[in-house]
């Protein structure tokens, strides 16, 4: 059986939220348990610097996200689990890839284009307030992936372009230097939960401050869910599942049978308050056991640091020989 390498990570710029869990952590950990799979998980603390220049926030987020992966069932003895900044080969490979990356391709990256379009709409210079880190982000992400020979990368649909760019940079390097140094990765999108909606209906994101904290205590979790924006349809009026943030969130945590029942309840005019109560129930049922493990890990940060250092040594055993070959 061919061994498949799966790699994923989360930027350490905030507290883990349900979008991180359903869109990245849960499917990646499930994939790690499949036969013939080698899984790589990293904490993207260097990526965080593009938007966050608060050291305490990045450090706290790194601890919280590490604890979240572990609480969700990650076994550091059977996977590669490391902090991005502990692998110096990543920024070195980023430079090597920068020298083969087409600027025109980077100009078309979604995040950079969105920032430019916003400036244009507001009458500002195209690049006002945009740092080179944002512009070069796709190259660094390519280095994260190509360094470890990942075959598959679980991502939200909005990140698929970055995987395509990683393939492009890797293929160009291979062509220029006449050898298949890099495996070309594929994006893996779990369609039903690839991008979860947040409290305001937009993509759940720290950038929009519309997240639902993953390990909030039950009272806080319930309060956040009850704050979900819905339409004004009264109890008894049929409600649309299409475009409903509440239904999308429910579907991400419910069984197929529960989802079918909720779809029927929408058609029958379930009250929004009752629907939110049911949403809270399915989310809390899944999160509660992990919340207890998370709280225990957060109380022992030294143990998390030991796990990360061991993971870095394991990852560098792959990264260092490759960089020597590339040099």
Protein backbone atom coordinates (compact mmCIF):
# COMPACT_ATOMS: atom_id res chain seq x y z
CA UNK A 1 0.00 0.00 0.00
CA UNK A 2 1.31 3.43 -0.93
CA UNK A 3 1.90 5.74 2.03
CA UNK A 4 0.03 9.05 1.77
CA UNK A 5 1.27 12.14 3.59
CA UNK A 6 -1.37 14.58 4.83
CA UNK A 7 -0.39 18.03 6.11
CA UNK A 8 -2.40 20.82 7.70
CA UNK A 9 -2.04 23.67 10.17
CA UNK A 10 -3.73 26.66 11.76
CA UNK A 11 -2.38 30.20 12.02
CA UNK A 12 -1.74 31.10 15.66
CA UNK A 13 -3.46 34.47 15.75
CA UNK A 14 -6.43 33.77 17.98
CA UNK A 15 -8.37 31.33 20.12
CA UNK A 16 -9.43 28.07 18.36
CA UNK A 17 -12.99 28.27 17.09
CA UNK A 18 -15.53 25.83 15.69
CA UNK A 19 -14.55 26.68 12.11
CA UNK A 20 -10.99 25.53 12.84
CA UNK A 21 -12.31 22.34 14.38
CA UNK A 22 -14.88 21.32 11.77
CA UNK A 23 -12.97 22.60 8.75
CA UNK A 24 -9.44 21.47 9.61
CA UNK A 25 -8.77 19.68 12.89
CA UNK A 26 -11.54 17.06 12.81
CA UNK A 27 -11.08 15.88 9.21
CA UNK A 28 -7.28 15.92 9.50
CA UNK A 29 -7.24 13.83 12.66
CA UNK A 30 -9.73 11.40 11.13
CA UNK A 31 -7.46 11.08 8.10
CA UNK A 32 -4.45 10.41 10.33
CA UNK A 33 -6.07 7.21 11.58
CA UNK A 34 -6.40 5.72 8.12
CA UNK A 35 -4.05 2.89 7.18
CA UNK A 36 -1.11 3.95 5.08
CA UNK A 37 -1.29 7.60 6.19
CA UNK A 38 1.49 9.81 7.59
CA UNK A 39 0.12 13.01 9.10
CA UNK A 40 1.87 16.35 9.61
CA UNK A 41 0.31 19.04 11.81
CA UNK A 42 1.91 22.42 12.36
CA UNK A 43 1.28 25.59 14.32
CA UNK A 44 1.73 28.45 11.85
CA UNK A 45 3.15 31.07 14.21
CA UNK A 46 5.25 32.77 11.51
CA UNK A 47 2.16 33.17 9.33
CA UNK A 48 0.50 34.97 12.24
CA UNK A 49 3.00 37.83 11.97
CA UNK A 50 1.39 39.00 8.72
CA UNK A 51 -1.52 40.41 10.72
CA UNK A 52 -0.53 40.22 14.39
CA UNK A 53 2.44 42.00 15.94
CA UNK A 54 1.46 41.26 19.54
CA UNK A 55 3.92 38.64 20.90
CA UNK A 56 1.73 37.72 23.88
CA UNK A 57 -1.25 37.04 21.63
CA UNK A 58 0.74 34.83 19.25
CA UNK A 59 2.32 32.90 22.13
CA UNK A 60 -1.02 32.40 23.88
CA UNK A 61 -2.66 31.35 20.63
CA UNK A 62 0.13 28.86 19.94
CA UNK A 63 -0.45 27.26 23.35
CA UNK A 64 -4.23 27.19 22.88
CA UNK A 65 -4.09 25.67 19.42
CA UNK A 66 -1.54 23.04 20.46
CA UNK A 67 -3.80 22.09 23.37
CA UNK A 68 -6.79 21.98 21.00
CA UNK A 69 -5.15 19.51 18.59
CA UNK A 70 -4.10 17.29 21.49
CA UNK A 71 -7.50 17.49 23.20
CA UNK A 72 -9.21 16.50 19.95
CA UNK A 73 -7.33 13.21 19.87
CA UNK A 74 -4.02 13.96 18.18
CA UNK A 75 -1.40 11.35 19.14
CA UNK A 76 2.04 13.04 18.89
CA UNK A 77 3.73 9.62 18.95
CA UNK A 78 2.12 8.55 15.67
CA UNK A 79 2.17 11.86 13.74
CA UNK A 80 4.49 14.82 13.09
CA UNK A 81 3.36 17.71 15.32
CA UNK A 82 5.51 20.83 15.37
CA UNK A 83 5.67 24.62 15.59
CA UNK A 84 6.53 26.33 12.32
CA UNK A 85 9.16 28.63 13.88
CA UNK A 86 11.08 25.62 15.24
CA UNK A 87 11.88 24.48 11.68
CA UNK A 88 14.50 26.87 10.17
CA UNK A 89 14.41 24.90 6.92
CA UNK A 90 10.96 26.37 6.18
CA UNK A 91 12.10 30.02 5.72
CA UNK A 92 15.19 28.81 3.82
CA UNK A 93 13.03 26.85 1.40
CA UNK A 94 10.72 29.86 1.12
CA UNK A 95 13.62 31.86 -0.34
CA UNK A 96 14.53 29.12 -2.80
CA UNK A 97 10.92 28.98 -3.98
CA UNK A 98 10.68 32.78 -4.13
CA UNK A 99 13.37 32.69 -6.80
CA UNK A 100 11.22 30.52 -9.07
CA UNK A 101 7.77 31.94 -8.17
CA UNK A 102 6.17 34.14 -10.84
CA UNK A 103 5.20 37.58 -9.55
CA UNK A 104 2.25 37.61 -11.93
CA UNK A 105 0.86 34.53 -10.20
CA UNK A 106 1.31 36.14 -6.78
CA UNK A 107 -0.51 39.25 -8.05
CA UNK A 108 -3.57 37.03 -8.57
CA UNK A 109 -3.59 35.50 -5.08
CA UNK A 110 -7.05 35.96 -3.53
CA UNK A 111 -5.95 37.55 -0.24
CA UNK A 112 -3.66 40.06 -1.92
CA UNK A 113 -6.21 40.90 -4.63
CA UNK A 114 -8.91 41.44 -2.01
CA UNK A 115 -6.67 43.88 -0.13
CA UNK A 116 -5.86 45.77 -3.33
CA UNK A 117 -9.52 45.88 -4.36
CA UNK A 118 -10.45 47.28 -0.95
CA UNK A 119 -7.84 50.03 -1.31
CA UNK A 120 -9.06 50.86 -4.81
CA UNK A 121 -12.68 51.07 -3.65
CA UNK A 122 -11.66 53.43 -0.86
CA UNK A 123 -9.60 55.63 -3.18
CA UNK A 124 -6.26 54.67 -1.65
CA UNK A 125 -3.01 53.62 -3.29
CA UNK A 126 -3.35 49.99 -4.42
CA UNK A 127 -0.78 48.72 -1.91
CA UNK A 128 -1.59 51.00 1.03
CA UNK A 129 -1.20 49.13 4.30
CA UNK A 130 -0.26 45.85 2.58
CA UNK A 131 2.95 44.27 3.83
CA UNK A 132 5.16 41.99 1.76
CA UNK A 133 4.29 39.13 4.10
CA UNK A 134 0.73 39.08 2.78
CA UNK A 135 1.97 39.21 -0.80
CA UNK A 136 4.49 36.40 -0.24
CA UNK A 137 2.20 34.24 1.89
CA UNK A 138 1.51 31.71 -0.92
CA UNK A 139 5.24 31.05 -1.29
CA UNK A 140 5.69 30.40 2.41
CA UNK A 141 2.63 28.14 2.44
CA UNK A 142 4.16 26.26 -0.49
CA UNK A 143 7.36 25.78 1.54
CA UNK A 144 5.32 24.42 4.50
CA UNK A 145 3.82 21.81 2.18
CA UNK A 146 6.65 20.94 -0.22
CA UNK A 147 9.30 20.57 2.50
CA UNK A 148 7.58 17.47 3.85
CA UNK A 149 6.44 15.90 0.60
CA UNK A 150 2.74 16.20 1.41
CA UNK A 151 0.42 14.44 -1.01
CA UNK A 152 -2.81 15.86 0.40
CA UNK A 153 -3.62 19.11 2.24
CA UNK A 154 -7.05 19.50 3.91
CA UNK A 155 -8.16 23.12 3.38
CA UNK A 156 -11.20 25.32 3.13
CA UNK A 157 -12.35 26.10 -0.39
CA UNK A 158 -10.86 29.60 -0.09
CA UNK A 159 -7.39 28.03 0.29
CA UNK A 160 -7.50 25.75 -2.76
CA UNK A 161 -5.77 28.39 -4.87
CA UNK A 162 -2.76 28.28 -2.54
CA UNK A 163 -2.37 24.54 -3.06
CA UNK A 164 -2.48 25.07 -6.82
CA UNK A 165 0.23 27.69 -6.45
CA UNK A 166 2.35 25.31 -4.36
CA UNK A 167 2.09 22.80 -7.20
CA UNK A 168 3.17 25.47 -9.66
CA UNK A 169 6.21 26.54 -7.63
CA UNK A 170 7.24 22.94 -6.97
CA UNK A 171 6.86 21.97 -10.62
CA UNK A 172 8.89 24.98 -11.76
CA UNK A 173 11.70 24.15 -9.35
CA UNK A 174 11.70 20.52 -10.45
CA UNK A 175 11.83 21.58 -14.11
CA UNK A 176 14.57 24.19 -13.68
CA UNK A 177 16.83 21.91 -11.67
CA UNK A 178 16.04 18.77 -13.62
CA UNK A 179 14.89 16.46 -10.87
CA UNK A 180 11.65 15.62 -9.01
CA UNK A 181 12.72 17.11 -5.69
CA UNK A 182 9.17 17.99 -4.71
CA UNK A 183 5.96 16.00 -4.54
CA UNK A 184 3.08 18.04 -6.00
CA UNK A 185 0.24 18.23 -3.45
CA UNK A 186 -3.52 18.01 -3.86
CA UNK A 187 -6.14 19.99 -1.94
CA UNK A 188 -8.74 18.01 0.01
CA UNK A 189 -11.99 19.88 0.70
CA UNK A 190 -14.74 18.37 2.85
CA UNK A 191 -17.64 19.98 1.04
CA UNK A 192 -20.23 20.07 3.83
CA UNK A 193 -17.99 21.84 6.38
CA UNK A 194 -15.14 23.33 4.35
CA UNK A 195 -16.12 26.87 5.35
CA UNK A 196 -18.39 27.26 8.40
CA UNK A 197 -20.44 30.44 8.84
CA UNK A 198 -19.87 32.63 11.86
CA UNK A 199 -22.26 34.60 14.07
CA UNK A 200 -23.02 37.10 11.30
CA UNK A 201 -23.41 34.56 8.48
CA UNK A 202 -20.04 35.32 6.88
CA UNK A 203 -17.20 32.81 6.97
CA UNK A 204 -16.25 32.09 10.59
CA UNK A 205 -12.97 33.94 10.93
CA UNK A 206 -10.86 35.72 13.51
CA UNK A 207 -10.57 38.52 10.93
CA UNK A 208 -14.32 39.18 11.15
CA UNK A 209 -14.50 38.66 14.93
CA UNK A 210 -17.54 36.44 14.32
CA UNK A 211 -16.23 33.17 15.76
CA UNK A 212 -17.72 30.68 18.21
CA UNK A 213 -15.01 29.70 20.68
CA UNK A 214 -14.28 26.00 20.52
CA UNK A 215 -13.76 25.37 24.21
CA UNK A 216 -15.95 28.03 25.77
CA UNK A 217 -17.76 26.88 28.91
CA UNK A 218 -21.31 25.63 28.21
CA UNK A 219 -22.98 28.87 29.32
CA UNK A 220 -20.77 31.00 27.06
CA UNK A 221 -21.16 28.58 24.14
CA UNK A 222 -24.94 28.71 24.49
CA UNK A 223 -24.89 32.51 24.67
CA UNK A 224 -22.83 32.72 21.47
CA UNK A 225 -25.12 30.33 19.63
CA UNK A 226 -28.21 32.21 20.74
CA UNK A 227 -26.62 35.34 19.21
CA UNK A 228 -26.53 33.80 15.71
CA UNK A 229 -28.15 36.14 13.19
CA UNK A 230 -31.31 34.69 11.60
CA UNK A 231 -34.14 36.14 9.51
CA UNK A 232 -37.39 37.50 10.89
CA UNK A 233 -39.64 34.55 10.10
CA UNK A 234 -41.96 33.74 12.98
CA UNK A 235 -42.64 30.34 14.55
CA UNK A 236 -44.85 28.32 12.18
CA UNK A 237 -43.45 29.98 9.04
CA UNK A 238 -41.45 27.68 6.80
CA UNK A 239 -37.73 28.50 6.88
CA UNK A 240 -35.09 28.03 4.21
CA UNK A 241 -32.13 25.74 4.88
CA UNK A 242 -30.35 27.18 1.84
CA UNK A 243 -28.10 29.99 3.00
CA UNK A 244 -28.98 29.47 6.67
CA UNK A 245 -25.90 29.79 8.89
CA UNK A 246 -27.74 27.97 11.66
CA UNK A 247 -28.53 24.99 9.44
CA UNK A 248 -24.98 24.83 8.07
CA UNK A 249 -23.56 24.73 11.59
CA UNK A 250 -26.08 22.09 12.65
CA UNK A 251 -25.24 19.91 9.65
CA UNK A 252 -21.53 20.08 10.52
CA UNK A 253 -22.08 18.52 13.94
CA UNK A 254 -25.23 16.42 13.55
CA UNK A 255 -25.69 12.88 12.23
CA UNK A 256 -27.35 12.45 8.82
CA UNK A 257 -30.55 11.38 10.62
CA UNK A 258 -30.51 14.49 12.83
CA UNK A 259 -29.81 16.69 9.82
CA UNK A 260 -32.78 15.23 7.94
CA UNK A 261 -35.02 15.84 10.97
CA UNK A 262 -33.83 19.46 11.23
CA UNK A 263 -34.49 19.97 7.52
CA UNK A 264 -38.07 18.80 8.10
CA UNK A 265 -38.35 21.05 11.16
CA UNK A 266 -37.29 24.05 9.05
CA UNK A 267 -40.00 23.26 6.52
CA UNK A 268 -42.53 22.91 9.37
CA UNK A 269 -41.63 26.33 10.79
CA UNK A 270 -39.51 25.55 13.84
CA UNK A 271 -38.97 28.62 16.04
CA UNK A 272 -35.47 30.08 15.79
CA UNK A 273 -35.01 29.82 19.55
CA UNK A 274 -35.80 26.10 19.50
CA UNK A 275 -33.49 25.55 16.51
CA UNK A 276 -30.67 27.29 18.37
CA UNK A 277 -31.30 25.12 21.45
CA UNK A 278 -30.95 22.02 19.28
CA UNK A 279 -27.81 23.43 17.67
CA UNK A 280 -26.27 24.01 21.10
CA UNK A 281 -27.14 20.45 22.13
CA UNK A 282 -25.40 18.77 19.17
CA UNK A 283 -22.29 20.95 19.40
CA UNK A 284 -21.90 20.59 23.17
CA UNK A 285 -22.37 16.81 22.97
CA UNK A 286 -19.30 16.58 20.71
CA UNK A 287 -17.16 19.24 22.39
CA UNK A 288 -17.74 18.53 26.11
CA UNK A 289 -15.33 15.56 26.50
CA UNK A 290 -12.62 17.43 24.60
CA UNK A 291 -13.17 20.58 26.68
CA UNK A 292 -12.16 18.71 29.83
CA UNK A 293 -8.92 17.46 28.23
CA UNK A 294 -8.18 20.93 26.85
CA UNK A 295 -8.48 22.59 30.25
CA UNK A 296 -6.08 20.03 31.77
CA UNK A 297 -3.50 20.66 29.02
CA UNK A 298 -3.74 24.45 29.36
CA UNK A 299 -2.90 24.03 33.04
CA UNK A 300 0.44 22.40 32.10
CA UNK A 301 2.11 24.47 29.36
CA UNK A 302 5.52 22.89 30.00
CA UNK A 303 4.13 19.52 28.92
CA UNK A 304 2.88 21.05 25.67
CA UNK A 305 6.31 22.59 25.05
CA UNK A 306 8.01 19.22 25.50
CA UNK A 307 5.66 17.69 22.92
CA UNK A 308 6.38 20.50 20.45
CA UNK A 309 10.15 20.23 20.86
CA UNK A 310 10.02 16.48 20.30
CA UNK A 311 7.88 17.10 17.23
CA UNK A 312 10.35 19.63 15.85
CA UNK A 313 13.22 17.15 16.14
CA UNK A 314 11.13 14.54 14.33
CA UNK A 315 10.19 17.00 11.55
CA UNK A 316 13.74 18.26 11.07
CA UNK A 317 14.91 14.69 10.54
CA UNK A 318 13.06 15.01 7.21
CA UNK A 319 13.64 18.71 6.51
CA UNK A 320 17.40 18.97 7.09
CA UNK A 321 18.53 16.28 4.58
CA UNK A 322 16.24 17.73 1.89
CA UNK A 323 17.62 21.25 2.32
CA UNK A 324 21.15 19.89 2.13
CA UNK A 325 20.24 18.25 -1.17
CA UNK A 326 18.62 21.42 -2.51
CA UNK A 327 21.64 23.55 -1.57
